[in-house]
Amino acid sequence: MEVVLYTKNGCHLCDDAKELLAELQSEFLFQLIERDIYKNDEWLEKYHLAIPVIEMDGEEVEYGKITGIPLRKRLLLKIGNT
């Protein structure tokens, strides 16, 4: 499984999201892919006001102040369907 985190440098909400995702990785097996929105014009245009953004299976799961609850639910569903 892959979880994508759209982020940028100097973003405290992004740092908080990274910490939360690291905690979730100890519980669930997934690969975390970090994407700096300043490295792609499309990402920058789409996410510049919403970061951090967490995406799984091509769908936005959560953005802004990340709680991890929607992602945890999605991960549990994915595990239950395998």
N, C-alpha and C. Protein backbone atom coordinates (compact mmCIF):
# COMPACT_ATOMS: atom_id res chain seq x y z
N MET A 1 0.84 -1.18 0.00
CA MET A 1 0.00 0.00 0.00
C MET A 1 0.88 1.24 0.00
N GLU A 2 0.39 2.26 -0.66
CA GLU A 2 1.09 3.53 -0.70
C GLU A 2 0.20 4.64 -0.15
N VAL A 3 0.81 5.49 0.64
CA VAL A 3 0.16 6.69 1.15
C VAL A 3 1.03 7.86 0.71
N VAL A 4 0.41 8.84 0.08
CA VAL A 4 1.14 10.00 -0.44
C VAL A 4 0.85 11.20 0.46
N LEU A 5 1.91 11.91 0.82
CA LEU A 5 1.81 13.13 1.60
C LEU A 5 2.31 14.29 0.76
N TYR A 6 1.42 15.21 0.41
CA TYR A 6 1.81 16.43 -0.29
C TYR A 6 2.19 17.44 0.79
N THR A 7 3.37 18.02 0.64
CA THR A 7 3.95 18.83 1.70
C THR A 7 4.81 19.94 1.11
N LYS A 8 5.39 20.75 1.98
CA LYS A 8 6.40 21.74 1.59
C LYS A 8 7.27 22.01 2.80
N ASN A 9 8.44 22.55 2.56
CA ASN A 9 9.36 22.90 3.65
C ASN A 9 8.78 24.05 4.47
N GLY A 10 9.05 24.03 5.76
CA GLY A 10 8.64 25.10 6.64
C GLY A 10 7.17 25.08 7.02
N CYS A 11 6.52 23.96 6.84
CA CYS A 11 5.09 23.82 7.13
C CYS A 11 4.94 23.01 8.42
N HIS A 12 4.53 23.65 9.51
CA HIS A 12 4.42 22.93 10.79
C HIS A 12 3.31 21.89 10.76
N LEU A 13 2.23 22.15 10.02
CA LEU A 13 1.18 21.15 9.90
C LEU A 13 1.69 19.91 9.15
N CYS A 14 2.57 20.14 8.18
CA CYS A 14 3.18 19.03 7.43
C CYS A 14 4.07 18.20 8.35
N ASP A 15 4.84 18.88 9.19
CA ASP A 15 5.70 18.17 10.14
C ASP A 15 4.87 17.32 11.10
N ASP A 16 3.76 17.89 11.56
CA ASP A 16 2.86 17.13 12.45
C ASP A 16 2.29 15.91 11.72
N ALA A 17 1.92 16.09 10.46
CA ALA A 17 1.37 14.99 9.67
C ALA A 17 2.41 13.89 9.49
N LYS A 18 3.66 14.27 9.23
CA LYS A 18 4.74 13.28 9.07
C LYS A 18 4.91 12.45 10.34
N GLU A 19 4.86 13.11 11.50
CA GLU A 19 4.99 12.39 12.77
C GLU A 19 3.83 11.40 12.95
N LEU A 20 2.64 11.84 12.65
CA LEU A 20 1.47 10.98 12.78
C LEU A 20 1.56 9.79 11.83
N LEU A 21 2.00 10.04 10.60
CA LEU A 21 2.13 8.97 9.63
C LEU A 21 3.20 7.97 10.06
N ALA A 22 4.27 8.46 10.66
CA ALA A 22 5.31 7.55 11.18
C ALA A 22 4.73 6.64 12.27
N GLU A 23 3.89 7.20 13.13
CA GLU A 23 3.23 6.39 14.17
C GLU A 23 2.32 5.34 13.53
N LEU A 24 1.56 5.74 12.52
CA LEU A 24 0.66 4.80 11.84
C LEU A 24 1.43 3.69 11.13
N GLN A 25 2.64 4.01 10.65
CA GLN A 25 3.46 2.99 9.98
C GLN A 25 3.90 1.90 10.95
N SER A 26 3.94 2.19 12.23
CA SER A 26 4.29 1.15 13.20
C SER A 26 3.12 0.19 13.41
N GLU A 27 1.95 0.63 13.02
CA GLU A 27 0.74 -0.17 13.19
C GLU A 27 0.27 -0.82 11.87
N PHE A 28 0.47 -0.12 10.77
CA PHE A 28 0.03 -0.58 9.45
C PHE A 28 1.21 -0.60 8.49
N LEU A 29 1.19 -1.56 7.59
CA LEU A 29 2.26 -1.68 6.61
C LEU A 29 1.90 -0.87 5.37
N PHE A 30 2.55 0.27 5.18
CA PHE A 30 2.37 1.07 3.98
C PHE A 30 3.64 1.85 3.68
N GLN A 31 3.79 2.17 2.41
CA GLN A 31 4.93 2.97 1.98
C GLN A 31 4.50 4.42 1.95
N LEU A 32 5.26 5.29 2.61
CA LEU A 32 4.97 6.71 2.62
C LEU A 32 5.76 7.39 1.51
N ILE A 33 5.07 8.10 0.66
CA ILE A 33 5.70 8.85 -0.41
C ILE A 33 5.44 10.33 -0.14
N GLU A 34 6.51 11.09 0.02
CA GLU A 34 6.38 12.53 0.25
C GLU A 34 6.59 13.26 -1.06
N ARG A 35 5.68 14.19 -1.35
CA ARG A 35 5.78 14.99 -2.56
C ARG A 35 5.77 16.46 -2.19
N ASP A 36 6.89 17.13 -2.49
CA ASP A 36 7.01 18.56 -2.25
C ASP A 36 6.25 19.28 -3.36
N ILE A 37 5.24 20.06 -2.99
CA ILE A 37 4.39 20.69 -3.99
C ILE A 37 5.15 21.71 -4.84
N TYR A 38 6.31 22.17 -4.37
CA TYR A 38 7.10 23.13 -5.14
C TYR A 38 7.94 22.47 -6.23
N LYS A 39 7.86 21.14 -6.33
CA LYS A 39 8.62 20.43 -7.37
C LYS A 39 7.76 20.08 -8.57
N ASN A 40 6.47 20.49 -8.54
CA ASN A 40 5.56 20.16 -9.62
C ASN A 40 4.48 21.24 -9.68
N ASP A 41 4.37 21.92 -10.82
CA ASP A 41 3.41 23.03 -10.94
C ASP A 41 1.97 22.59 -10.71
N GLU A 42 1.62 21.39 -11.15
CA GLU A 42 0.26 20.88 -10.98
C GLU A 42 -0.06 20.69 -9.49
N TRP A 43 0.90 20.11 -8.74
CA TRP A 43 0.70 19.92 -7.30
C TRP A 43 0.57 21.27 -6.60
N LEU A 44 1.43 22.21 -6.99
CA LEU A 44 1.43 23.54 -6.37
C LEU A 44 0.08 24.22 -6.59
N GLU A 45 -0.42 24.18 -7.81
CA GLU A 45 -1.70 24.81 -8.12
C GLU A 45 -2.84 24.14 -7.35
N LYS A 46 -2.81 22.83 -7.28
CA LYS A 46 -3.90 22.08 -6.67
C LYS A 46 -3.90 22.16 -5.15
N TYR A 47 -2.71 22.13 -4.52
CA TYR A 47 -2.63 21.94 -3.07
C TYR A 47 -2.06 23.11 -2.27
N HIS A 48 -1.67 24.20 -2.92
CA HIS A 48 -0.94 25.23 -2.18
C HIS A 48 -1.68 25.78 -0.96
N LEU A 49 -2.99 25.79 -0.97
CA LEU A 49 -3.74 26.29 0.19
C LEU A 49 -4.24 25.17 1.11
N ALA A 50 -4.05 23.92 0.71
CA ALA A 50 -4.64 22.81 1.45
C ALA A 50 -3.63 21.96 2.21
N ILE A 51 -2.33 22.14 1.95
CA ILE A 51 -1.36 21.22 2.53
C ILE A 51 -1.36 21.27 4.05
N PRO A 52 -1.00 20.18 4.67
CA PRO A 52 -0.64 18.90 4.06
C PRO A 52 -1.89 18.19 3.53
N VAL A 53 -1.67 17.38 2.51
CA VAL A 53 -2.74 16.57 1.93
C VAL A 53 -2.28 15.12 1.94
N ILE A 54 -3.14 14.23 2.42
CA ILE A 54 -2.86 12.80 2.40
C ILE A 54 -3.74 12.16 1.36
N GLU A 55 -3.11 11.36 0.52
CA GLU A 55 -3.80 10.69 -0.58
C GLU A 55 -3.54 9.19 -0.50
N MET A 56 -4.56 8.40 -0.78
CA MET A 56 -4.42 6.95 -0.81
C MET A 56 -5.29 6.43 -1.94
N ASP A 57 -4.74 5.55 -2.76
CA ASP A 57 -5.46 5.00 -3.91
C ASP A 57 -5.99 6.10 -4.82
N GLY A 58 -5.21 7.17 -4.97
CA GLY A 58 -5.58 8.26 -5.87
C GLY A 58 -6.66 9.19 -5.35
N GLU A 59 -7.08 9.01 -4.09
CA GLU A 59 -8.11 9.86 -3.50
C GLU A 59 -7.57 10.62 -2.30
N GLU A 60 -7.98 11.88 -2.19
CA GLU A 60 -7.61 12.66 -1.02
C GLU A 60 -8.36 12.09 0.19
N VAL A 61 -7.61 11.78 1.23
CA VAL A 61 -8.19 11.20 2.43
C VAL A 61 -8.38 12.28 3.50
N GLU A 62 -7.42 13.20 3.57
CA GLU A 62 -7.46 14.22 4.61
C GLU A 62 -6.52 15.36 4.22
N TYR A 63 -6.84 16.57 4.68
CA TYR A 63 -5.96 17.71 4.40
C TYR A 63 -6.04 18.71 5.54
N GLY A 64 -5.06 19.62 5.56
CA GLY A 64 -5.01 20.65 6.60
C GLY A 64 -4.53 20.07 7.92
N LYS A 65 -5.29 20.27 8.97
CA LYS A 65 -4.94 19.72 10.29
C LYS A 65 -5.26 18.23 10.28
N ILE A 66 -4.22 17.40 10.18
CA ILE A 66 -4.37 15.96 10.02
C ILE A 66 -4.59 15.30 11.38
N THR A 67 -5.67 14.54 11.48
CA THR A 67 -5.96 13.79 12.71
C THR A 67 -5.57 12.32 12.57
N GLY A 68 -5.56 11.84 11.33
CA GLY A 68 -5.25 10.44 11.08
C GLY A 68 -6.45 9.53 11.13
N ILE A 69 -7.58 10.02 11.60
CA ILE A 69 -8.77 9.17 11.74
C ILE A 69 -9.28 8.67 10.39
N PRO A 70 -9.47 9.54 9.39
CA PRO A 70 -9.92 9.03 8.09
C PRO A 70 -8.92 8.05 7.45
N LEU A 71 -7.62 8.33 7.61
CA LEU A 71 -6.61 7.44 7.05
C LEU A 71 -6.64 6.09 7.76
N ARG A 72 -6.74 6.10 9.07
CA ARG A 72 -6.80 4.86 9.84
C ARG A 72 -7.99 4.01 9.38
N LYS A 73 -9.15 4.64 9.20
CA LYS A 73 -10.33 3.92 8.72
C LYS A 73 -10.08 3.31 7.35
N ARG A 74 -9.47 4.09 6.47
CA ARG A 74 -9.18 3.61 5.12
C ARG A 74 -8.20 2.44 5.16
N LEU A 75 -7.18 2.53 6.01
CA LEU A 75 -6.21 1.45 6.14
C LEU A 75 -6.85 0.18 6.69
N LEU A 76 -7.72 0.34 7.68
CA LEU A 76 -8.41 -0.82 8.25
C LEU A 76 -9.31 -1.48 7.21
N LEU A 77 -10.00 -0.68 6.41
CA LEU A 77 -10.85 -1.23 5.34
C LEU A 77 -10.01 -1.98 4.31
N LYS A 78 -8.88 -1.39 3.97
CA LYS A 78 -8.00 -2.01 2.96
C LYS A 78 -7.50 -3.36 3.48
N ILE A 79 -7.11 -3.42 4.75
CA ILE A 79 -6.62 -4.67 5.32
C ILE A 79 -7.74 -5.70 5.36
N GLY A 80 -8.94 -5.25 5.70
CA GLY A 80 -10.07 -6.15 5.76
C GLY A 80 -10.49 -6.71 4.40
N ASN A 81 -10.13 -6.01 3.34
CA ASN A 81 -10.50 -6.44 1.99
C ASN A 81 -9.41 -7.25 1.31
N THR A 82 -8.31 -7.53 2.00
CA THR A 82 -7.23 -8.32 1.36
C THR A 82 -7.28 -9.76 1.80
